[in-house]
Amino acid sequence: MKPYKGYTASIWYESDDLLFHGTVEGIRDTVHFAGASAQELERAFRDSVDDYLNWCAEDGVEPNKPYSGRLAFRTTPEHHRLISEAASAQARSINQWMDEVLEEAARKTLDEGRQKIKFG
């Protein structure tokens, strides 16, 4: 599913109600949607994001923003040293190195997960 207004979603299928369900990812609030087909699910996702943003505007609440691009990362001093050495060996900053390594690991994890489709 393509991002909409910067928001992304995770989706799954529920055999109990024969519907695809989804939630908006990367925010603290819960935004749920459902649809019987890919087209319905896409429309429900967009409608739910619009409803969420409208609700926030009406209530004077700042909507949660998805993924700021900032991560707080804590590690051990030994791991910090290893990460620094690995980044330096590739002539990259720690941030550049971590971004590349974590992106690669995330894509691999997601690709493996797509091969195992869950049916609830």
N, C-alpha and C. Protein backbone atom coordinates (compact mmCIF):
# COMPACT_ATOMS: atom_id res chain seq x y z
N MET A 1 0.84 -1.17 0.00
CA MET A 1 0.00 0.00 0.00
C MET A 1 0.89 1.23 0.00
N LYS A 2 0.58 2.16 -0.87
CA LYS A 2 1.38 3.39 -0.97
C LYS A 2 1.11 4.31 0.22
N PRO A 3 2.14 5.05 0.64
CA PRO A 3 1.92 6.04 1.70
C PRO A 3 0.89 7.08 1.25
N TYR A 4 0.20 7.64 2.23
CA TYR A 4 -0.78 8.68 1.96
C TYR A 4 -0.56 9.80 2.97
N LYS A 5 -0.29 10.99 2.48
CA LYS A 5 -0.01 12.17 3.31
C LYS A 5 1.10 11.87 4.32
N GLY A 6 2.05 11.04 3.90
CA GLY A 6 3.17 10.70 4.76
C GLY A 6 2.92 9.54 5.70
N TYR A 7 1.70 9.03 5.74
CA TYR A 7 1.35 7.93 6.63
C TYR A 7 1.44 6.60 5.88
N THR A 8 1.88 5.58 6.60
CA THR A 8 1.94 4.23 6.05
C THR A 8 1.11 3.30 6.92
N ALA A 9 0.89 2.08 6.42
CA ALA A 9 0.03 1.16 7.16
C ALA A 9 0.57 -0.26 7.11
N SER A 10 0.20 -1.03 8.11
CA SER A 10 0.42 -2.48 8.06
C SER A 10 -0.96 -3.10 7.87
N ILE A 11 -1.01 -4.19 7.12
CA ILE A 11 -2.30 -4.82 6.83
C ILE A 11 -2.23 -6.32 7.10
N TRP A 12 -3.38 -6.90 7.37
CA TRP A 12 -3.49 -8.34 7.58
C TRP A 12 -4.90 -8.77 7.21
N TYR A 13 -5.08 -10.07 7.08
CA TYR A 13 -6.38 -10.64 6.72
C TYR A 13 -6.96 -11.38 7.92
N GLU A 14 -8.24 -11.16 8.16
CA GLU A 14 -8.96 -11.85 9.24
C GLU A 14 -9.99 -12.78 8.62
N SER A 15 -9.83 -14.07 8.80
CA SER A 15 -10.78 -15.02 8.22
C SER A 15 -12.12 -15.00 8.94
N ASP A 16 -12.16 -14.51 10.18
CA ASP A 16 -13.43 -14.45 10.93
C ASP A 16 -14.46 -13.57 10.24
N ASP A 17 -14.02 -12.43 9.73
CA ASP A 17 -14.96 -11.51 9.08
C ASP A 17 -14.71 -11.35 7.59
N LEU A 18 -13.75 -12.12 7.07
CA LEU A 18 -13.43 -12.11 5.64
C LEU A 18 -13.05 -10.71 5.14
N LEU A 19 -12.30 -9.98 5.99
CA LEU A 19 -11.88 -8.62 5.64
C LEU A 19 -10.38 -8.47 5.83
N PHE A 20 -9.83 -7.57 5.04
CA PHE A 20 -8.47 -7.11 5.26
C PHE A 20 -8.56 -5.96 6.26
N HIS A 21 -7.64 -5.94 7.22
CA HIS A 21 -7.61 -4.89 8.23
C HIS A 21 -6.26 -4.20 8.17
N GLY A 22 -6.23 -2.99 8.65
CA GLY A 22 -4.97 -2.26 8.69
C GLY A 22 -4.95 -1.25 9.81
N THR A 23 -3.75 -0.86 10.19
CA THR A 23 -3.56 0.22 11.14
C THR A 23 -2.47 1.14 10.58
N VAL A 24 -2.60 2.41 10.90
CA VAL A 24 -1.58 3.38 10.50
C VAL A 24 -0.37 3.16 11.39
N GLU A 25 0.79 3.08 10.79
CA GLU A 25 2.04 2.81 11.49
C GLU A 25 2.80 4.10 11.82
N GLY A 26 3.62 4.01 12.84
CA GLY A 26 4.55 5.09 13.15
C GLY A 26 3.95 6.25 13.93
N ILE A 27 2.75 6.05 14.49
CA ILE A 27 2.14 7.10 15.32
C ILE A 27 1.66 6.46 16.62
N ARG A 28 1.49 7.29 17.64
CA ARG A 28 1.04 6.78 18.94
C ARG A 28 -0.46 6.52 18.97
N ASP A 29 -1.23 7.30 18.21
CA ASP A 29 -2.67 7.10 18.17
C ASP A 29 -3.00 5.84 17.36
N THR A 30 -4.17 5.27 17.62
CA THR A 30 -4.58 4.08 16.88
C THR A 30 -5.57 4.49 15.80
N VAL A 31 -5.22 4.21 14.56
CA VAL A 31 -6.09 4.48 13.41
C VAL A 31 -6.24 3.16 12.68
N HIS A 32 -7.45 2.60 12.71
CA HIS A 32 -7.76 1.29 12.14
C HIS A 32 -8.68 1.47 10.94
N PHE A 33 -8.57 0.56 9.98
CA PHE A 33 -9.45 0.58 8.81
C PHE A 33 -9.58 -0.84 8.30
N ALA A 34 -10.58 -1.07 7.45
CA ALA A 34 -10.82 -2.42 6.92
C ALA A 34 -11.50 -2.33 5.56
N GLY A 35 -11.35 -3.41 4.79
CA GLY A 35 -12.01 -3.48 3.49
C GLY A 35 -12.01 -4.90 2.97
N ALA A 36 -12.98 -5.21 2.12
CA ALA A 36 -13.12 -6.56 1.57
C ALA A 36 -12.23 -6.79 0.36
N SER A 37 -11.76 -5.72 -0.28
CA SER A 37 -10.91 -5.84 -1.46
C SER A 37 -9.75 -4.86 -1.33
N ALA A 38 -8.79 -5.00 -2.22
CA ALA A 38 -7.66 -4.07 -2.21
C ALA A 38 -8.13 -2.64 -2.43
N GLN A 39 -9.10 -2.46 -3.32
CA GLN A 39 -9.62 -1.11 -3.59
C GLN A 39 -10.33 -0.55 -2.35
N GLU A 40 -11.14 -1.36 -1.70
CA GLU A 40 -11.83 -0.90 -0.49
C GLU A 40 -10.84 -0.58 0.62
N LEU A 41 -9.82 -1.43 0.75
CA LEU A 41 -8.82 -1.22 1.79
C LEU A 41 -8.06 0.08 1.56
N GLU A 42 -7.67 0.32 0.32
CA GLU A 42 -6.96 1.57 -0.02
C GLU A 42 -7.83 2.79 0.27
N ARG A 43 -9.09 2.73 -0.12
CA ARG A 43 -10.01 3.84 0.13
C ARG A 43 -10.22 4.05 1.64
N ALA A 44 -10.37 2.94 2.37
CA ALA A 44 -10.58 3.03 3.82
C ALA A 44 -9.35 3.63 4.51
N PHE A 45 -8.16 3.26 4.03
CA PHE A 45 -6.92 3.82 4.58
C PHE A 45 -6.89 5.33 4.40
N ARG A 46 -7.15 5.77 3.18
CA ARG A 46 -7.13 7.22 2.91
C ARG A 46 -8.21 7.95 3.70
N ASP A 47 -9.40 7.37 3.74
CA ASP A 47 -10.50 7.98 4.51
C ASP A 47 -10.15 8.06 6.00
N SER A 48 -9.52 7.01 6.53
CA SER A 48 -9.17 7.00 7.95
C SER A 48 -8.11 8.03 8.27
N VAL A 49 -7.12 8.18 7.39
CA VAL A 49 -6.11 9.22 7.60
C VAL A 49 -6.76 10.60 7.56
N ASP A 50 -7.63 10.83 6.57
CA ASP A 50 -8.33 12.12 6.48
C ASP A 50 -9.19 12.36 7.71
N ASP A 51 -9.93 11.33 8.16
CA ASP A 51 -10.76 11.47 9.37
C ASP A 51 -9.90 11.79 10.59
N TYR A 52 -8.76 11.13 10.71
CA TYR A 52 -7.85 11.37 11.83
C TYR A 52 -7.37 12.82 11.81
N LEU A 53 -6.93 13.28 10.65
CA LEU A 53 -6.43 14.66 10.55
C LEU A 53 -7.54 15.67 10.81
N ASN A 54 -8.76 15.39 10.32
CA ASN A 54 -9.90 16.28 10.58
C ASN A 54 -10.25 16.31 12.05
N TRP A 55 -10.25 15.13 12.69
CA TRP A 55 -10.55 15.05 14.12
C TRP A 55 -9.54 15.87 14.91
N CYS A 56 -8.26 15.72 14.58
CA CYS A 56 -7.22 16.48 15.28
C CYS A 56 -7.43 17.99 15.11
N ALA A 57 -7.76 18.40 13.88
CA ALA A 57 -7.98 19.83 13.61
C ALA A 57 -9.19 20.35 14.39
N GLU A 58 -10.28 19.59 14.41
CA GLU A 58 -11.49 20.00 15.12
C GLU A 58 -11.26 20.11 16.62
N ASP A 59 -10.45 19.20 17.18
CA ASP A 59 -10.20 19.20 18.62
C ASP A 59 -8.99 20.05 19.01
N GLY A 60 -8.34 20.66 18.02
CA GLY A 60 -7.18 21.50 18.31
C GLY A 60 -5.99 20.69 18.81
N VAL A 61 -5.91 19.44 18.37
CA VAL A 61 -4.83 18.54 18.79
C VAL A 61 -3.84 18.40 17.64
N GLU A 62 -2.56 18.43 17.97
CA GLU A 62 -1.53 18.23 16.95
C GLU A 62 -1.52 16.75 16.57
N PRO A 63 -1.72 16.42 15.28
CA PRO A 63 -1.70 15.01 14.89
C PRO A 63 -0.29 14.42 15.04
N ASN A 64 -0.26 13.15 15.39
CA ASN A 64 1.03 12.46 15.42
C ASN A 64 1.61 12.47 14.03
N LYS A 65 2.87 12.79 13.93
CA LYS A 65 3.57 12.78 12.65
C LYS A 65 4.28 11.44 12.50
N PRO A 66 4.16 10.85 11.33
CA PRO A 66 4.84 9.57 11.14
C PRO A 66 6.33 9.76 10.89
N TYR A 67 7.13 8.98 11.55
CA TYR A 67 8.56 8.85 11.28
C TYR A 67 9.27 10.18 11.00
N SER A 68 9.86 10.70 12.04
CA SER A 68 10.57 11.98 11.92
C SER A 68 11.92 11.84 11.24
N GLY A 69 12.45 10.63 11.17
CA GLY A 69 13.79 10.44 10.64
C GLY A 69 14.85 10.46 11.73
N ARG A 70 14.41 10.61 12.96
CA ARG A 70 15.34 10.60 14.09
C ARG A 70 15.09 9.35 14.92
N LEU A 71 16.16 8.68 15.27
CA LEU A 71 16.09 7.52 16.14
C LEU A 71 16.98 7.73 17.34
N ALA A 72 16.47 7.41 18.51
CA ALA A 72 17.32 7.40 19.69
C ALA A 72 17.90 5.99 19.78
N PHE A 73 19.19 5.90 19.82
CA PHE A 73 19.83 4.59 19.80
C PHE A 73 20.82 4.51 20.95
N ARG A 74 20.67 3.50 21.77
CA ARG A 74 21.60 3.29 22.87
C ARG A 74 22.23 1.91 22.71
N THR A 75 23.49 1.83 23.06
CA THR A 75 24.20 0.57 22.94
C THR A 75 25.29 0.51 24.01
N THR A 76 25.99 -0.57 24.04
CA THR A 76 27.09 -0.71 25.00
C THR A 76 28.33 0.02 24.46
N PRO A 77 29.25 0.37 25.34
CA PRO A 77 30.49 1.00 24.87
C PRO A 77 31.24 0.10 23.87
N GLU A 78 31.25 -1.20 24.09
CA GLU A 78 31.95 -2.11 23.17
C GLU A 78 31.30 -2.10 21.79
N HIS A 79 29.97 -2.15 21.75
CA HIS A 79 29.27 -2.10 20.45
C HIS A 79 29.49 -0.75 19.78
N HIS A 80 29.51 0.31 20.56
CA HIS A 80 29.76 1.65 20.02
C HIS A 80 31.11 1.68 19.31
N ARG A 81 32.13 1.11 19.97
CA ARG A 81 33.46 1.06 19.38
C ARG A 81 33.44 0.26 18.08
N LEU A 82 32.80 -0.91 18.07
CA LEU A 82 32.73 -1.74 16.87
C LEU A 82 32.03 -1.01 15.73
N ILE A 83 30.92 -0.35 16.05
CA ILE A 83 30.17 0.40 15.04
C ILE A 83 31.03 1.52 14.47
N SER A 84 31.72 2.22 15.34
CA SER A 84 32.59 3.32 14.91
C SER A 84 33.69 2.80 13.99
N GLU A 85 34.30 1.69 14.36
CA GLU A 85 35.37 1.12 13.54
C GLU A 85 34.84 0.65 12.18
N ALA A 86 33.68 0.02 12.17
CA ALA A 86 33.10 -0.44 10.91
C ALA A 86 32.76 0.73 10.00
N ALA A 87 32.19 1.78 10.57
CA ALA A 87 31.85 2.98 9.78
C ALA A 87 33.13 3.62 9.23
N SER A 88 34.13 3.73 10.07
CA SER A 88 35.39 4.34 9.65
C SER A 88 36.06 3.52 8.55
N ALA A 89 35.97 2.20 8.63
CA ALA A 89 36.57 1.33 7.62
C ALA A 89 35.94 1.53 6.25
N GLN A 90 34.69 2.03 6.23
CA GLN A 90 34.01 2.30 4.96
C GLN A 90 33.96 3.78 4.65
N ALA A 91 34.75 4.57 5.37
CA ALA A 91 34.82 6.02 5.19
C ALA A 91 33.44 6.68 5.28
N ARG A 92 32.68 6.24 6.29
CA ARG A 92 31.34 6.80 6.51
C ARG A 92 31.23 7.26 7.96
N SER A 93 30.29 8.17 8.18
CA SER A 93 29.98 8.54 9.55
C SER A 93 29.20 7.38 10.19
N ILE A 94 29.13 7.38 11.49
CA ILE A 94 28.34 6.35 12.17
C ILE A 94 26.89 6.40 11.69
N ASN A 95 26.33 7.59 11.56
CA ASN A 95 24.94 7.71 11.10
C ASN A 95 24.75 7.14 9.70
N GLN A 96 25.65 7.47 8.79
CA GLN A 96 25.54 6.94 7.43
C GLN A 96 25.64 5.42 7.44
N TRP A 97 26.61 4.91 8.17
CA TRP A 97 26.82 3.46 8.21
C TRP A 97 25.60 2.76 8.81
N MET A 98 25.11 3.26 9.95
CA MET A 98 23.96 2.64 10.59
C MET A 98 22.73 2.70 9.69
N ASP A 99 22.53 3.82 9.02
CA ASP A 99 21.39 3.96 8.13
C ASP A 99 21.43 2.89 7.04
N GLU A 100 22.59 2.71 6.42
CA GLU A 100 22.72 1.73 5.35
C GLU A 100 22.55 0.30 5.87
N VAL A 101 23.21 -0.01 6.98
CA VAL A 101 23.15 -1.37 7.53
C VAL A 101 21.73 -1.69 8.01
N LEU A 102 21.10 -0.77 8.70
CA LEU A 102 19.75 -1.01 9.21
C LEU A 102 18.73 -1.09 8.08
N GLU A 103 18.89 -0.26 7.05
CA GLU A 103 17.98 -0.34 5.91
C GLU A 103 18.09 -1.72 5.25
N GLU A 104 19.31 -2.18 5.03
CA GLU A 104 19.52 -3.49 4.41
C GLU A 104 18.89 -4.60 5.26
N ALA A 105 19.10 -4.54 6.57
CA ALA A 105 18.54 -5.55 7.46
C ALA A 105 17.01 -5.48 7.47
N ALA A 106 16.45 -4.28 7.46
CA ALA A 106 15.00 -4.12 7.46
C ALA A 106 14.39 -4.67 6.18
N ARG A 107 14.99 -4.35 5.04
CA ARG A 107 14.47 -4.87 3.76
C ARG A 107 14.53 -6.39 3.72
N LYS A 108 15.61 -6.98 4.22
CA LYS A 108 15.74 -8.44 4.26
C LYS A 108 14.65 -9.04 5.15
N THR A 109 14.45 -8.46 6.31
CA THR A 109 13.43 -8.94 7.24
C THR A 109 12.04 -8.85 6.61
N LEU A 110 11.74 -7.73 5.97
CA LEU A 110 10.43 -7.55 5.35
C LEU A 110 10.24 -8.48 4.17
N ASP A 111 11.28 -8.68 3.37
CA ASP A 111 11.19 -9.61 2.24
C ASP A 111 10.92 -11.03 2.73
N GLU A 112 11.60 -11.44 3.80
CA GLU A 112 11.37 -12.77 4.36
C GLU A 112 9.95 -12.88 4.92
N GLY A 113 9.47 -11.81 5.55
CA GLY A 113 8.11 -11.81 6.11
C GLY A 113 7.03 -11.87 5.07
N ARG A 114 7.29 -11.27 3.90
CA ARG A 114 6.30 -11.30 2.81
C ARG A 114 6.12 -12.71 2.26
N GLN A 115 7.12 -13.54 2.47
CA GLN A 115 7.02 -14.91 2.00
C GLN A 115 6.15 -15.74 2.94
N LYS A 116 5.89 -15.25 4.14
CA LYS A 116 5.07 -15.95 5.13
C LYS A 116 3.84 -15.11 5.38
N ILE A 117 2.83 -15.22 4.56
CA ILE A 117 1.62 -14.42 4.72
C ILE A 117 0.79 -15.00 5.85
N LYS A 118 0.40 -14.15 6.78
CA LYS A 118 -0.41 -14.58 7.92
C LYS A 118 -1.88 -14.50 7.58
N PHE A 119 -2.60 -15.51 7.92
CA PHE A 119 -4.06 -15.50 7.82
C PHE A 119 -4.59 -15.77 9.20
N GLY A 120 -5.35 -14.75 9.74
CA GLY A 120 -5.83 -14.83 11.12
C GLY A 120 -6.94 -15.72 11.24
